[in-house]
PDB file of N, CA and C in Angstrom:
ATOM      1  N   MET A   1      32.390 -30.161  78.770  1.00  0.00           N
ATOM      2  CA  MET A   1      30.932 -31.464  78.641  1.00  0.00           C
ATOM      3  C   MET A   1      31.060 -31.405  76.436  1.00  0.00           C
ATOM      4  N   ALA A   2      31.009 -32.304  76.254  1.00  0.00           N
ATOM      5  CA  ALA A   2      30.192 -31.996  75.068  1.00  0.00           C
ATOM      6  C   ALA A   2      28.476 -31.183  74.980  1.00  0.00           C
ATOM      7  N   ASP A   3      28.788 -30.522  73.988  1.00  0.00           N
ATOM      8  CA  ASP A   3      27.073 -29.926  73.196  1.00  0.00           C
ATOM      9  C   ASP A   3      26.146 -31.122  73.206  1.00  0.00           C
ATOM     10  N   PRO A   4      25.127 -32.067  73.457  1.00  0.00           N
ATOM     11  CA  PRO A   4      24.308 -33.257  72.735  1.00  0.00           C
ATOM     12  C   PRO A   4      23.465 -32.897  71.499  1.00  0.00           C
ATOM     13  N   GLN A   5      23.529 -31.941  71.278  1.00  0.00           N
ATOM     14  CA  GLN A   5      23.438 -31.401  69.845  1.00  0.00           C
ATOM     15  C   GLN A   5      25.255 -31.311  69.028  1.00  0.00           C
ATOM     16  N   ASP A   6      26.204 -31.428  69.231  1.00  0.00           N
ATOM     17  CA  ASP A   6      27.179 -31.991  68.206  1.00  0.00           C
ATOM     18  C   ASP A   6      27.131 -33.101  67.355  1.00  0.00           C
ATOM     19  N   VAL A   7      26.820 -32.773  65.713  1.00  0.00           N
ATOM     20  CA  VAL A   7      26.617 -33.800  64.953  1.00  0.00           C
ATOM     21  C   VAL A   7      27.545 -34.915  65.071  1.00  0.00           C
ATOM     22  N   THR A   8      28.695 -34.387  65.352  1.00  0.00           N
ATOM     23  CA  THR A   8      30.041 -35.412  65.208  1.00  0.00           C
ATOM     24  C   THR A   8      29.631 -36.139  66.402  1.00  0.00           C
ATOM     25  N   GLU A   9      29.233 -35.642  67.632  1.00  0.00           N
ATOM     26  CA  GLU A   9      29.504 -37.196  68.731  1.00  0.00           C
ATOM     27  C   GLU A   9      28.124 -38.136  67.653  1.00  0.00           C
ATOM     28  N   ASN A  10      26.863 -37.701  68.153  1.00  0.00           N
ATOM     29  CA  ASN A  10      25.616 -37.659  67.155  1.00  0.00           C
ATOM     30  C   ASN A  10      25.629 -38.797  65.947  1.00  0.00           C
ATOM     31  N   ALA A  11      26.436 -38.367  65.115  1.00  0.00           N
ATOM     32  CA  ALA A  11      26.490 -38.854  63.992  1.00  0.00           C
ATOM     33  C   ALA A  11      25.995 -40.621  63.948  1.00  0.00           C
ATOM     34  N   GLU A  12      26.734 -41.253  64.868  1.00  0.00           N
ATOM     35  CA  GLU A  12      27.179 -42.266  64.288  1.00  0.00           C
ATOM     36  C   GLU A  12      26.450 -43.511  65.238  1.00  0.00           C
ATOM     37  N   LYS A  13      25.083 -43.700  65.897  1.00  0.00           N
ATOM     38  CA  LYS A  13      24.214 -44.349  66.355  1.00  0.00           C
ATOM     39  C   LYS A  13      24.418 -45.480  66.035  1.00  0.00           C
ATOM     40  N   ASP A  14      24.221 -46.187  67.360  1.00  0.00           N
ATOM     41  CA  ASP A  14      23.915 -47.451  66.962  1.00  0.00           C
ATOM     42  C   ASP A  14      22.826 -48.256  66.687  1.00  0.00           C
ATOM     43  N   PRO A  15      22.960 -48.380  65.286  1.00  0.00           N
ATOM     44  CA  PRO A  15      21.433 -48.963  64.357  1.00  0.00           C
ATOM     45  C   PRO A  15      20.216 -49.790  65.273  1.00  0.00           C
ATOM     46  N   SER A  16      21.203 -50.385  66.550  1.00  0.00           N
ATOM     47  CA  SER A  16      19.325 -50.689  66.932  1.00  0.00           C
ATOM     48  C   SER A  16      18.945 -49.538  67.975  1.00  0.00           C
ATOM     49  N   ASP A  17      19.279 -48.477  67.777  1.00  0.00           N
ATOM     50  CA  ASP A  17      18.944 -47.047  68.462  1.00  0.00           C
ATOM     51  C   ASP A  17      17.954 -46.493  67.174  1.00  0.00           C
ATOM     52  N   TRP A  18      18.022 -46.421  65.922  1.00  0.00           N
ATOM     53  CA  TRP A  18      17.459 -46.111  65.205  1.00  0.00           C
ATOM     54  C   TRP A  18      15.467 -46.145  65.721  1.00  0.00           C
ATOM     55  N   VAL A  19      15.170 -44.750  65.277  1.00  0.00           N
ATOM     56  CA  VAL A  19      13.428 -45.216  65.516  1.00  0.00           C
ATOM     57  C   VAL A  19      13.093 -45.884  64.476  1.00  0.00           C
ATOM     58  N   THR A  20      14.161 -45.785  63.283  1.00  0.00           N
ATOM     59  CA  THR A  20      13.335 -46.156  61.898  1.00  0.00           C
ATOM     60  C   THR A  20      14.360 -47.556  61.158  1.00  0.00           C
ATOM     61  N   GLY A  21      14.793 -48.177  62.149  1.00  0.00           N
ATOM     62  CA  GLY A  21      15.879 -49.063  62.184  1.00  0.00           C
ATOM     63  C   GLY A  21      14.743 -50.315  61.462  1.00  0.00           C
ATOM     64  N   ASP A  22      13.198 -50.808  62.531  1.00  0.00           N
ATOM     65  CA  ASP A  22      12.721 -52.284  61.737  1.00  0.00           C
ATOM     66  C   ASP A  22      12.043 -51.634  60.449  1.00  0.00           C
ATOM     67  N   GLU A  23      12.638 -50.535  59.907  1.00  0.00           N
ATOM     68  CA  GLU A  23      11.845 -50.318  58.670  1.00  0.00           C
ATOM     69  C   GLU A  23      12.756 -51.392  57.616  1.00  0.00           C
ATOM     70  N   PRO A  24      12.399 -51.588  56.619  1.00  0.00           N
ATOM     71  CA  PRO A  24      12.720 -52.432  55.854  1.00  0.00           C
ATOM     72  C   PRO A  24      13.836 -51.700  54.637  1.00  0.00           C
ATOM     73  N   MET A  25      15.142 -52.765  54.697  1.00  0.00           N
ATOM     74  CA  MET A  25      16.153 -51.793  53.928  1.00  0.00           C
ATOM     75  C   MET A  25      16.024 -50.798  53.209  1.00  0.00           C
ATOM     76  N   THR A  26      16.569 -49.883  53.044  1.00  0.00           N
ATOM     77  CA  THR A  26      16.762 -48.600  51.605  1.00  0.00           C
ATOM     78  C   THR A  26      17.014 -49.353  50.198  1.00  0.00           C
ATOM     79  N   GLY A  27      16.276 -48.484  49.228  1.00  0.00           N
ATOM     80  CA  GLY A  27      17.400 -49.538  48.074  1.00  0.00           C
ATOM     81  C   GLY A  27      18.362 -49.492  48.271  1.00  0.00           C
ATOM     82  N   PRO A  28      19.329 -47.990  48.572  1.00  0.00           N
ATOM     83  CA  PRO A  28      20.877 -48.068  48.178  1.00  0.00           C
ATOM     84  C   PRO A  28      21.606 -48.360  48.923  1.00  0.00           C
ATOM     85  N   GLN A  29      20.786 -49.046  50.661  1.00  0.00           N
ATOM     86  CA  GLN A  29      21.629 -50.062  50.932  1.00  0.00           C
ATOM     87  C   GLN A  29      21.246 -51.198  50.970  1.00  0.00           C
ATOM     88  N   LYS A  30      20.262 -52.281  50.456  1.00  0.00           N
ATOM     89  CA  LYS A  30      20.440 -53.424  49.106  1.00  0.00           C
ATOM     90  C   LYS A  30      21.009 -53.370  48.325  1.00  0.00           C
ATOM     91  N   SER A  31      21.290 -52.753  47.505  1.00  0.00           N
ATOM     92  CA  SER A  31      22.190 -52.119  45.983  1.00  0.00           C
ATOM     93  C   SER A  31      23.689 -52.598  46.964  1.00  0.00           C
ATOM     94  N   TYR A  32      23.871 -51.968  47.208  1.00  0.00           N
ATOM     95  CA  TYR A  32      25.543 -52.344  48.532  1.00  0.00           C
ATOM     96  C   TYR A  32      25.564 -53.503  49.249  1.00  0.00           C
ATOM     97  N   LEU A  33      24.456 -53.796  50.015  1.00  0.00           N
ATOM     98  CA  LEU A  33      24.609 -54.291  50.733  1.00  0.00           C
ATOM     99  C   LEU A  33      25.082 -55.678  49.490  1.00  0.00           C
ATOM    100  N   HIS A  34      23.754 -56.251  48.788  1.00  0.00           N
ATOM    101  CA  HIS A  34      24.593 -57.007  47.530  1.00  0.00           C
ATOM    102  C   HIS A  34      25.815 -57.253  46.680  1.00  0.00           C
ATOM    103  N   THR A  35      26.253 -56.019  46.352  1.00  0.00           N
ATOM    104  CA  THR A  35      27.607 -55.590  45.950  1.00  0.00           C
ATOM    105  C   THR A  35      28.776 -56.217  47.083  1.00  0.00           C
ATOM    106  N   LEU A  36      28.794 -56.210  48.189  1.00  0.00           N
ATOM    107  CA  LEU A  36      29.458 -56.171  49.221  1.00  0.00           C
ATOM    108  C   LEU A  36      29.628 -58.223  49.056  1.00  0.00           C
ATOM    109  N   ALA A  37      28.421 -58.590  49.463  1.00  0.00           N
ATOM    110  CA  ALA A  37      27.656 -60.040  49.683  1.00  0.00           C
ATOM    111  C   ALA A  37      28.763 -60.964  49.103  1.00  0.00           C
ATOM    112  N   ARG A  38      28.383 -59.729  47.771  1.00  0.00           N
ATOM    113  CA  ARG A  38      28.849 -60.763  46.137  1.00  0.00           C
ATOM    114  C   ARG A  38      30.465 -60.637  46.052  1.00  0.00           C
ATOM    115  N   GLU A  39      31.251 -59.720  46.316  1.00  0.00           N
ATOM    116  CA  GLU A  39      32.011 -59.795  46.812  1.00  0.00           C
ATOM    117  C   GLU A  39      32.807 -60.500  47.825  1.00  0.00           C
ATOM    118  N   ALA A  40      32.141 -60.870  49.087  1.00  0.00           N
ATOM    119  CA  ALA A  40      32.889 -61.348  50.292  1.00  0.00           C
ATOM    120  C   ALA A  40      32.200 -63.489  49.922  1.00  0.00           C
ATOM    121  N   GLY A  41      32.086 -63.028  48.677  1.00  0.00           N
ATOM    122  CA  GLY A  41      30.927 -64.365  48.633  1.00  0.00           C
ATOM    123  C   GLY A  41      30.487 -64.911  49.474  1.00  0.00           C
ATOM    124  N   GLU A  42      29.287 -64.019  49.906  1.00  0.00           N
ATOM    125  CA  GLU A  42      28.403 -64.937  51.068  1.00  0.00           C
ATOM    126  C   GLU A  42      26.933 -64.161  50.463  1.00  0.00           C
ATOM    127  N   GLU A  43      25.977 -64.663  50.680  1.00  0.00           N
ATOM    128  CA  GLU A  43      24.724 -64.538  50.331  1.00  0.00           C
ATOM    129  C   GLU A  43      23.789 -63.900  51.341  1.00  0.00           C
ATOM    130  N   VAL A  44      22.705 -62.905  50.905  1.00  0.00           N
ATOM    131  CA  VAL A  44      22.120 -62.154  52.428  1.00  0.00           C
ATOM    132  C   VAL A  44      20.508 -62.347  51.789  1.00  0.00           C
ATOM    133  N   PRO A  45      19.871 -61.748  53.036  1.00  0.00           N
ATOM    134  CA  PRO A  45      18.442 -62.319  52.431  1.00  0.00           C
ATOM    135  C   PRO A  45      18.271 -60.712  52.040  1.00  0.00           C
ATOM    136  N   ASP A  46      16.669 -60.459  51.284  1.00  0.00           N
ATOM    137  CA  ASP A  46      16.419 -59.636  50.797  1.00  0.00           C
ATOM    138  C   ASP A  46      15.355 -58.872  51.635  1.00  0.00           C
ATOM    139  N   ASP A  47      15.097 -59.524  52.754  1.00  0.00           N
ATOM    140  CA  ASP A  47      14.588 -58.481  53.513  1.00  0.00           C
ATOM    141  C   ASP A  47      14.794 -58.574  55.112  1.00  0.00           C
ATOM    142  N   LEU A  48      15.828 -57.826  54.769  1.00  0.00           N
ATOM    143  CA  LEU A  48      16.886 -57.582  56.695  1.00  0.00           C
ATOM    144  C   LEU A  48      15.820 -55.909  56.948  1.00  0.00           C
ATOM    145  N   SER A  49      15.901 -55.298  57.935  1.00  0.00           N
ATOM    146  CA  SER A  49      15.286 -54.061  58.607  1.00  0.00           C
ATOM    147  C   SER A  49      16.689 -53.711  57.523  1.00  0.00           C
ATOM    148  N   LYS A  50      16.341 -51.748  58.113  1.00  0.00           N
ATOM    149  CA  LYS A  50      17.245 -51.525  57.684  1.00  0.00           C
ATOM    150  C   LYS A  50      18.686 -50.925  58.753  1.00  0.00           C
ATOM    151  N   ALA A  51      17.913 -51.531  60.164  1.00  0.00           N
ATOM    152  CA  ALA A  51      19.388 -51.066  61.146  1.00  0.00           C
ATOM    153  C   ALA A  51      19.660 -52.554  60.715  1.00  0.00           C
ATOM    154  N   ASP A  52      19.400 -54.198  60.434  1.00  0.00           N
ATOM    155  CA  ASP A  52      20.284 -54.913  59.442  1.00  0.00           C
ATOM    156  C   ASP A  52      21.506 -54.894  59.146  1.00  0.00           C
ATOM    157  N   ALA A  53      20.617 -54.234  58.254  1.00  0.00           N
ATOM    158  CA  ALA A  53      20.863 -54.122  56.940  1.00  0.00           C
ATOM    159  C   ALA A  53      22.556 -53.268  57.375  1.00  0.00           C
ATOM    160  N   SER A  54      22.786 -52.242  57.912  1.00  0.00           N
ATOM    161  CA  SER A  54      24.074 -51.090  57.926  1.00  0.00           C
ATOM    162  C   SER A  54      24.208 -52.282  58.561  1.00  0.00           C
ATOM    163  N   GLU A  55      24.095 -53.083  60.357  1.00  0.00           N
ATOM    164  CA  GLU A  55      24.923 -54.014  60.655  1.00  0.00           C
ATOM    165  C   GLU A  55      25.751 -55.066  59.869  1.00  0.00           C
ATOM    166  N   THR A  56      25.223 -55.215  58.458  1.00  0.00           N
ATOM    167  CA  THR A  56      25.153 -56.366  57.903  1.00  0.00           C
ATOM    168  C   THR A  56      26.606 -55.513  56.791  1.00  0.00           C
ATOM    169  N   ILE A  57      26.109 -54.227  56.809  1.00  0.00           N
ATOM    170  CA  ILE A  57      26.985 -53.709  55.476  1.00  0.00           C
ATOM    171  C   ILE A  57      28.294 -53.268  56.226  1.00  0.00           C
ATOM    172  N   ASP A  58      28.397 -53.339  57.684  1.00  0.00           N
ATOM    173  CA  ASP A  58      29.464 -52.957  58.518  1.00  0.00           C
ATOM    174  C   ASP A  58      30.851 -54.267  58.075  1.00  0.00           C
ATOM    175  N   ARG A  59      30.203 -55.716  58.552  1.00  0.00           N
ATOM    176  CA  ARG A  59      30.361 -56.706  58.866  1.00  0.00           C
ATOM    177  C   ARG A  59      31.277 -56.864  57.441  1.00  0.00           C
ATOM    178  N   LEU A  60      30.203 -56.494  56.688  1.00  0.00           N
ATOM    179  CA  LEU A  60      30.194 -56.798  55.390  1.00  0.00           C
ATOM    180  C   LEU A  60      31.765 -55.965  55.170  1.00  0.00           C
ATOM    181  N   GLN A  61      31.927 -54.808  55.418  1.00  0.00           N
ATOM    182  CA  GLN A  61      33.125 -53.680  54.254  1.00  0.00           C
ATOM    183  C   GLN A  61      34.287 -54.337  55.642  1.00  0.00           C
ATOM    184  N   GLN A  62      33.837 -54.317  56.166  1.00  0.00           N
ATOM    185  CA  GLN A  62      35.174 -55.202  57.318  1.00  0.00           C
ATOM    186  C   GLN A  62      35.748 -56.882  56.366  1.00  0.00           C
ATOM    187  N   SER A  63      34.942 -57.720  55.965  1.00  0.00           N
ATOM    188  CA  SER A  63      35.672 -58.468  55.592  1.00  0.00           C
ATOM    189  C   SER A  63      36.093 -58.954  53.812  1.00  0.00           C
ATOM    190  N   THR A  64      35.632 -57.088  53.517  1.00  0.00           N
ATOM    191  CA  THR A  64      35.941 -57.051  52.154  1.00  0.00           C
ATOM    192  C   THR A  64      37.262 -55.970  52.069  1.00  0.00           C
ATOM    193  N   GLY A  65      37.558 -54.837  52.729  1.00  0.00           N
ATOM    194  CA  GLY A  65      38.159 -54.363  53.068  1.00  0.00           C
ATOM    195  C   GLY A  65      38.009 -53.328  52.639  1.00  0.00           C
ATOM    196  N   ARG A  66      36.792 -52.859  51.979  1.00  0.00           N
ATOM    197  CA  ARG A  66      36.408 -51.630  51.703  1.00  0.00           C
ATOM    198  C   ARG A  66      35.798 -51.013  52.897  1.00  0.00           C
ATOM    199  N   GLY A  67      35.735 -51.600  53.861  1.00  0.00           N
ATOM    200  CA  GLY A  67      35.582 -50.285  54.680  1.00  0.00           C
ATOM    201  C   GLY A  67      36.905 -49.889  56.066  1.00  0.00           C
ATOM    202  N   ALA A  68      38.077 -50.057  55.273  1.00  0.00           N
ATOM    203  CA  ALA A  68      39.156 -48.923  56.081  1.00  0.00           C
ATOM    204  C   ALA A  68      38.983 -47.733  55.171  1.00  0.00           C
TER     205      ALA A  68
END
């Protein structure tokens, strides 16, 4: 049985489960998100939450090939 404190197991929580997920996205998230959006030819809103920004970053990484 895995130790619940195992950092590798808990490192990637679903953003919807984040305690701070409803807070505004961070500056680094915003910067990276806009870089990815520009590469993908998409526009993204400036008022995303941390959780929404993370999910959008994941999606854009897939579409731009940066997530590989």
